[in-house]
Amino acid sequence: MKTINIIFSTDGQSRIETRGFTGSRCKDASRFLEAALGKVSSELLTSEYHQAVQHQSNQLTQEN
């Protein structure tokens, strides 16, 4: 399951955590939140980020 959590601290700092995304898809999914929250001061990439993205193939079949 893919989730995005936004954590706010009492000093006004915010942190975005993504789970269930592989490769750079986490950045794609959270980009709009980063833009809304302001300047990114640091970034910590998880092991999920370093996993290879598995591509799903769509197959079409035609029956005669």
Protein backbone atom coordinates (compact mmCIF):
# COMPACT_ATOMS: atom_id res chain seq x y z
CA MET A 1 0.00 0.00 0.00
CA LYS A 2 1.32 3.43 -0.92
CA THR A 3 1.10 6.17 1.70
CA ILE A 4 2.35 9.70 2.18
CA ASN A 5 2.59 11.05 5.74
CA ILE A 6 3.16 14.67 6.68
CA ILE A 7 4.54 15.20 10.18
CA PHE A 8 4.51 18.66 11.78
CA SER A 9 6.64 19.40 14.82
CA THR A 10 5.87 21.96 17.50
CA ASP A 11 8.64 24.25 16.23
CA GLY A 12 6.95 24.56 12.81
CA GLN A 13 9.13 22.10 10.92
CA SER A 14 7.46 19.60 8.61
CA ARG A 15 8.56 16.24 7.29
CA ILE A 16 7.16 14.17 4.43
CA GLU A 17 7.47 10.38 4.60
CA THR A 18 6.52 8.12 1.72
CA ARG A 19 6.02 4.37 1.96
CA GLY A 20 5.35 1.74 -0.68
CA PHE A 21 6.93 3.63 -3.59
CA THR A 22 9.99 2.28 -5.39
CA GLY A 23 12.65 4.28 -7.15
CA SER A 24 11.99 7.93 -7.82
CA ARG A 25 8.21 7.43 -7.80
CA CYS A 26 8.18 8.62 -4.18
CA LYS A 27 9.56 11.98 -5.27
CA ASP A 28 7.03 12.21 -8.09
CA ALA A 29 4.18 11.48 -5.68
CA SER A 30 5.28 13.99 -3.02
CA ARG A 31 6.50 16.81 -5.26
CA PHE A 32 3.27 18.83 -4.91
CA LEU A 33 3.51 18.64 -1.11
CA GLU A 34 7.13 19.79 -1.10
CA ALA A 35 6.12 22.76 -3.25
CA ALA A 36 3.22 23.62 -0.95
CA LEU A 37 5.28 23.34 2.25
CA GLY A 38 8.21 25.43 1.05
CA LYS A 39 11.96 24.99 0.83
CA VAL A 40 13.42 21.50 1.33
CA SER A 41 16.21 21.69 3.90
CA SER A 42 17.29 18.03 3.84
CA GLU A 43 16.43 14.72 2.25
CA LEU A 44 16.86 11.15 3.47
CA LEU A 45 16.32 8.45 0.86
CA THR A 46 15.10 5.06 2.10
CA SER A 47 15.97 1.60 0.84
CA GLU A 48 12.69 1.65 -1.13
CA TYR A 49 14.09 4.53 -3.19
CA HIS A 50 17.08 2.43 -4.20
CA GLN A 51 14.96 -0.54 -5.32
CA ALA A 52 14.54 -1.06 -9.03
CA VAL A 53 11.22 0.05 -10.41
CA GLN A 54 9.26 -2.87 -11.79
CA HIS A 55 7.44 -1.97 -14.97
CA GLN A 56 4.05 -3.49 -15.58
CA SER A 57 3.29 -4.42 -19.13
CA ASN A 58 -0.14 -4.06 -20.62
CA GLN A 59 -1.08 -6.88 -22.92
CA LEU A 60 -3.84 -6.77 -25.45
CA THR A 61 -5.20 -9.92 -26.94
CA GLN A 62 -7.40 -10.23 -29.96
CA GLU A 63 -9.80 -13.07 -30.43
CA ASN A 64 -10.82 -14.11 -33.94
